[in-house]
């Protein structure tokens, strides 16, 4: 068993985080709230190339105590961390 509570699983066009101990055919919920059934077989390389779900990534980072990646920071967070450099907002 892994020392981390979550693992990544391609689902519905993105890589989502699910609990580490989920087993094949188990119905579970991703960290972003999507319902998923754990597949029994191995997924292909293409599925592992899908983008990471931003909501799962943010929840995983919060649970692990890891700072968010820049696209998940608010403009205020960025400005506070980079004095003198204006934040870019969209």
N, C-alpha and C. Protein backbone atom coordinates (compact mmCIF):
# COMPACT_ATOMS: atom_id res chain seq x y z
N UNK A 1 0.84 -1.19 0.00
CA UNK A 1 0.00 0.00 0.00
C UNK A 1 0.88 1.25 0.00
N UNK A 2 0.42 2.24 -0.68
CA UNK A 2 1.12 3.50 -0.79
C UNK A 2 1.03 4.30 0.51
N UNK A 3 1.97 5.20 0.70
CA UNK A 3 1.91 6.07 1.87
C UNK A 3 1.04 7.29 1.63
N UNK A 4 0.53 7.44 0.44
CA UNK A 4 -0.38 8.54 0.10
C UNK A 4 -1.81 8.02 0.08
N UNK A 5 -2.77 8.85 0.50
CA UNK A 5 -4.16 8.37 0.57
C UNK A 5 -4.91 8.34 -0.76
N UNK A 6 -4.32 8.91 -1.82
CA UNK A 6 -5.00 8.99 -3.10
C UNK A 6 -4.10 8.50 -4.23
N UNK A 7 -4.73 8.12 -5.33
CA UNK A 7 -4.01 7.77 -6.55
C UNK A 7 -4.79 8.36 -7.73
N UNK A 8 -4.14 8.40 -8.89
CA UNK A 8 -4.73 9.02 -10.07
C UNK A 8 -5.36 7.95 -10.95
N UNK A 9 -6.50 8.30 -11.56
CA UNK A 9 -7.24 7.39 -12.42
C UNK A 9 -7.84 8.17 -13.58
N UNK A 10 -7.50 7.80 -14.82
CA UNK A 10 -8.14 8.45 -15.96
C UNK A 10 -9.64 8.13 -15.99
N UNK A 11 -10.43 9.16 -16.17
CA UNK A 11 -11.88 9.00 -16.22
C UNK A 11 -12.49 10.20 -16.92
N UNK A 12 -13.33 9.94 -17.89
CA UNK A 12 -14.12 10.99 -18.52
C UNK A 12 -13.26 12.13 -19.09
N UNK A 13 -12.13 11.78 -19.70
CA UNK A 13 -11.28 12.78 -20.37
C UNK A 13 -10.26 13.49 -19.50
N UNK A 14 -10.19 13.15 -18.23
CA UNK A 14 -9.21 13.77 -17.32
C UNK A 14 -8.66 12.72 -16.36
N UNK A 15 -7.54 13.03 -15.73
CA UNK A 15 -6.99 12.17 -14.68
C UNK A 15 -7.50 12.70 -13.34
N UNK A 16 -8.25 11.86 -12.65
CA UNK A 16 -8.87 12.23 -11.39
C UNK A 16 -8.20 11.51 -10.22
N UNK A 17 -8.34 12.07 -9.04
CA UNK A 17 -7.80 11.43 -7.83
C UNK A 17 -8.90 10.63 -7.15
N UNK A 18 -8.57 9.39 -6.78
CA UNK A 18 -9.47 8.51 -6.04
C UNK A 18 -8.71 7.96 -4.84
N UNK A 19 -9.43 7.40 -3.89
CA UNK A 19 -8.76 6.86 -2.71
C UNK A 19 -7.84 5.71 -3.12
N UNK A 20 -6.71 5.63 -2.48
CA UNK A 20 -5.67 4.67 -2.81
C UNK A 20 -6.14 3.22 -2.73
N UNK A 21 -6.98 2.90 -1.77
CA UNK A 21 -7.36 1.51 -1.56
C UNK A 21 -8.59 1.07 -2.36
N UNK A 22 -9.03 1.87 -3.32
CA UNK A 22 -10.16 1.47 -4.17
C UNK A 22 -9.74 0.27 -5.02
N UNK A 23 -10.65 -0.69 -5.16
CA UNK A 23 -10.35 -1.93 -5.90
C UNK A 23 -11.22 -2.03 -7.14
N UNK A 24 -10.85 -2.94 -8.03
CA UNK A 24 -11.58 -3.14 -9.28
C UNK A 24 -13.07 -3.35 -9.02
N UNK A 25 -13.86 -2.71 -9.85
CA UNK A 25 -15.33 -2.76 -9.83
C UNK A 25 -15.96 -1.98 -8.67
N UNK A 26 -15.15 -1.39 -7.83
CA UNK A 26 -15.70 -0.60 -6.72
C UNK A 26 -16.22 0.73 -7.25
N UNK A 27 -17.39 1.12 -6.78
CA UNK A 27 -17.92 2.44 -7.10
C UNK A 27 -17.43 3.40 -6.04
N UNK A 28 -16.83 4.49 -6.48
CA UNK A 28 -16.26 5.46 -5.55
C UNK A 28 -16.45 6.85 -6.12
N UNK A 29 -16.02 7.84 -5.39
CA UNK A 29 -16.15 9.23 -5.80
C UNK A 29 -14.76 9.84 -5.91
N UNK A 30 -14.51 10.58 -6.97
CA UNK A 30 -13.24 11.28 -7.13
C UNK A 30 -13.20 12.46 -6.14
N UNK A 31 -12.04 13.05 -5.99
CA UNK A 31 -11.93 14.20 -5.08
C UNK A 31 -12.76 15.39 -5.56
N UNK A 32 -13.06 15.45 -6.85
CA UNK A 32 -13.88 16.55 -7.37
C UNK A 32 -15.36 16.22 -7.33
N UNK A 33 -15.71 15.00 -6.89
CA UNK A 33 -17.10 14.65 -6.73
C UNK A 33 -17.73 13.80 -7.82
N UNK A 34 -16.96 13.40 -8.83
CA UNK A 34 -17.52 12.55 -9.89
C UNK A 34 -17.60 11.11 -9.41
N UNK A 35 -18.70 10.46 -9.77
CA UNK A 35 -18.86 9.03 -9.47
C UNK A 35 -18.10 8.24 -10.52
N UNK A 36 -17.37 7.21 -10.09
CA UNK A 36 -16.57 6.40 -11.00
C UNK A 36 -16.54 4.96 -10.50
N UNK A 37 -16.50 4.01 -11.43
CA UNK A 37 -16.28 2.61 -11.09
C UNK A 37 -14.85 2.28 -11.45
N UNK A 38 -14.10 1.74 -10.51
CA UNK A 38 -12.69 1.42 -10.74
C UNK A 38 -12.62 0.30 -11.79
N UNK A 39 -11.86 0.51 -12.88
CA UNK A 39 -11.77 -0.53 -13.91
C UNK A 39 -10.92 -1.71 -13.43
N UNK A 40 -11.21 -2.89 -14.03
CA UNK A 40 -10.47 -4.10 -13.66
C UNK A 40 -9.16 -4.19 -14.44
N UNK A 41 -9.15 -3.73 -15.67
CA UNK A 41 -7.97 -3.86 -16.51
C UNK A 41 -7.10 -2.61 -16.50
N UNK A 42 -5.95 -2.76 -17.12
CA UNK A 42 -5.04 -1.61 -17.25
C UNK A 42 -5.55 -0.67 -18.33
N UNK A 43 -5.37 0.59 -18.10
CA UNK A 43 -5.74 1.60 -19.09
C UNK A 43 -4.56 1.84 -20.02
N UNK A 44 -4.84 2.35 -21.21
CA UNK A 44 -3.80 2.58 -22.20
C UNK A 44 -3.01 3.86 -21.94
N UNK A 45 -1.94 4.02 -22.71
CA UNK A 45 -1.08 5.20 -22.57
C UNK A 45 -1.83 6.49 -22.87
N UNK A 46 -2.75 6.43 -23.82
CA UNK A 46 -3.50 7.65 -24.19
C UNK A 46 -4.26 8.21 -23.00
N UNK A 47 -4.91 7.35 -22.23
CA UNK A 47 -5.69 7.80 -21.07
C UNK A 47 -4.80 8.46 -20.01
N UNK A 48 -3.58 7.96 -19.86
CA UNK A 48 -2.67 8.53 -18.86
C UNK A 48 -2.10 9.87 -19.32
N UNK A 49 -2.32 10.22 -20.58
CA UNK A 49 -1.87 11.51 -21.11
C UNK A 49 -2.93 12.59 -20.97
N UNK A 50 -4.12 12.21 -20.53
CA UNK A 50 -5.18 13.19 -20.36
C UNK A 50 -4.77 14.24 -19.33
N UNK A 51 -5.32 15.43 -19.43
CA UNK A 51 -4.97 16.47 -18.45
C UNK A 51 -5.48 16.11 -17.05
N UNK A 52 -4.81 16.62 -16.06
CA UNK A 52 -5.22 16.41 -14.68
C UNK A 52 -6.42 17.28 -14.36
N UNK A 53 -7.39 16.72 -13.68
CA UNK A 53 -8.56 17.48 -13.23
C UNK A 53 -8.08 18.53 -12.22
N UNK A 54 -8.35 19.78 -12.51
CA UNK A 54 -7.88 20.86 -11.62
C UNK A 54 -8.50 20.78 -10.23
N UNK A 55 -9.77 20.40 -10.15
CA UNK A 55 -10.43 20.31 -8.84
C UNK A 55 -9.84 19.17 -8.01
N UNK A 56 -9.58 18.03 -8.65
CA UNK A 56 -8.95 16.91 -7.93
C UNK A 56 -7.54 17.30 -7.49
N UNK A 57 -6.81 17.98 -8.38
CA UNK A 57 -5.45 18.39 -8.05
C UNK A 57 -5.45 19.35 -6.86
N UNK A 58 -6.38 20.30 -6.86
CA UNK A 58 -6.46 21.26 -5.75
C UNK A 58 -6.81 20.56 -4.44
N UNK A 59 -7.75 19.62 -4.49
CA UNK A 59 -8.15 18.89 -3.28
C UNK A 59 -7.01 18.00 -2.79
N UNK A 60 -6.31 17.34 -3.72
CA UNK A 60 -5.17 16.49 -3.36
C UNK A 60 -4.08 17.31 -2.70
N UNK A 61 -3.75 18.46 -3.31
CA UNK A 61 -2.70 19.31 -2.74
C UNK A 61 -3.09 19.82 -1.35
N UNK A 62 -4.34 20.18 -1.17
CA UNK A 62 -4.79 20.65 0.15
C UNK A 62 -4.67 19.53 1.18
N UNK A 63 -5.06 18.32 0.81
CA UNK A 63 -5.00 17.19 1.73
C UNK A 63 -3.56 16.83 2.09
N UNK A 64 -2.64 17.03 1.15
CA UNK A 64 -1.23 16.70 1.36
C UNK A 64 -0.43 17.86 1.94
N UNK A 65 -1.05 19.03 2.03
CA UNK A 65 -0.33 20.20 2.53
C UNK A 65 0.65 20.77 1.52
N UNK A 66 0.37 20.58 0.23
CA UNK A 66 1.23 21.07 -0.84
C UNK A 66 0.62 22.35 -1.40
N UNK A 67 1.45 23.34 -1.65
CA UNK A 67 0.96 24.60 -2.21
C UNK A 67 0.28 24.37 -3.55
N UNK A 68 -0.75 25.15 -3.86
CA UNK A 68 -1.41 25.03 -5.16
C UNK A 68 -0.48 25.41 -6.29
N UNK A 69 -0.73 24.86 -7.46
CA UNK A 69 0.04 25.29 -8.63
C UNK A 69 -0.46 26.67 -9.03
N UNK A 70 0.36 27.45 -9.73
CA UNK A 70 0.00 28.85 -9.98
C UNK A 70 -1.38 29.10 -10.56
N UNK A 71 -1.89 28.26 -11.45
CA UNK A 71 -3.21 28.54 -12.03
C UNK A 71 -4.33 28.38 -11.01
N UNK A 72 -4.02 27.83 -9.84
CA UNK A 72 -5.04 27.66 -8.82
C UNK A 72 -4.99 28.76 -7.76
N UNK A 73 -4.00 29.61 -7.83
CA UNK A 73 -3.89 30.71 -6.87
C UNK A 73 -4.77 31.87 -7.32
N UNK A 74 -5.32 32.57 -6.35
CA UNK A 74 -6.09 33.77 -6.69
C UNK A 74 -5.10 34.90 -7.01
N UNK A 75 -5.59 35.93 -7.63
CA UNK A 75 -4.75 37.08 -7.94
C UNK A 75 -4.15 37.67 -6.67
N UNK A 76 -4.92 37.68 -5.59
CA UNK A 76 -4.43 38.22 -4.31
C UNK A 76 -3.28 37.36 -3.77
N UNK A 77 -3.40 36.03 -3.90
CA UNK A 77 -2.33 35.13 -3.45
C UNK A 77 -1.05 35.39 -4.22
N UNK A 78 -1.18 35.53 -5.53
CA UNK A 78 -0.01 35.76 -6.38
C UNK A 78 0.65 37.08 -6.02
N UNK A 79 -0.14 38.13 -5.85
CA UNK A 79 0.41 39.44 -5.51
C UNK A 79 1.12 39.41 -4.16
N UNK A 80 0.56 38.69 -3.21
CA UNK A 80 1.17 38.60 -1.88
C UNK A 80 2.51 37.87 -1.93
N UNK A 81 2.63 36.91 -2.85
CA UNK A 81 3.86 36.11 -2.94
C UNK A 81 4.91 36.76 -3.83
N UNK A 82 4.50 37.70 -4.66
CA UNK A 82 5.42 38.34 -5.60
C UNK A 82 5.27 39.85 -5.52
N UNK A 83 5.72 40.47 -4.42
CA UNK A 83 5.58 41.92 -4.28
C UNK A 83 6.22 42.67 -5.45
N UNK A 84 5.53 43.67 -5.94
CA UNK A 84 6.04 44.49 -7.02
C UNK A 84 5.76 43.95 -8.42
N UNK A 85 5.23 42.72 -8.50
CA UNK A 85 4.91 42.14 -9.80
C UNK A 85 3.39 41.99 -9.85
N UNK A 86 2.74 42.70 -10.76
CA UNK A 86 1.26 42.64 -10.80
C UNK A 86 0.79 41.25 -11.25
N UNK A 87 -0.32 40.82 -10.67
CA UNK A 87 -0.93 39.54 -11.04
C UNK A 87 -1.66 39.68 -12.36
N UNK A 88 -1.61 38.66 -13.18
CA UNK A 88 -2.34 38.62 -14.44
C UNK A 88 -3.68 37.96 -14.16
N UNK A 89 -4.75 38.63 -14.51
CA UNK A 89 -6.08 38.06 -14.31
C UNK A 89 -6.73 37.85 -15.65
N UNK A 90 -7.65 36.89 -15.70
CA UNK A 90 -8.34 36.59 -16.96
C UNK A 90 -9.79 36.90 -16.84
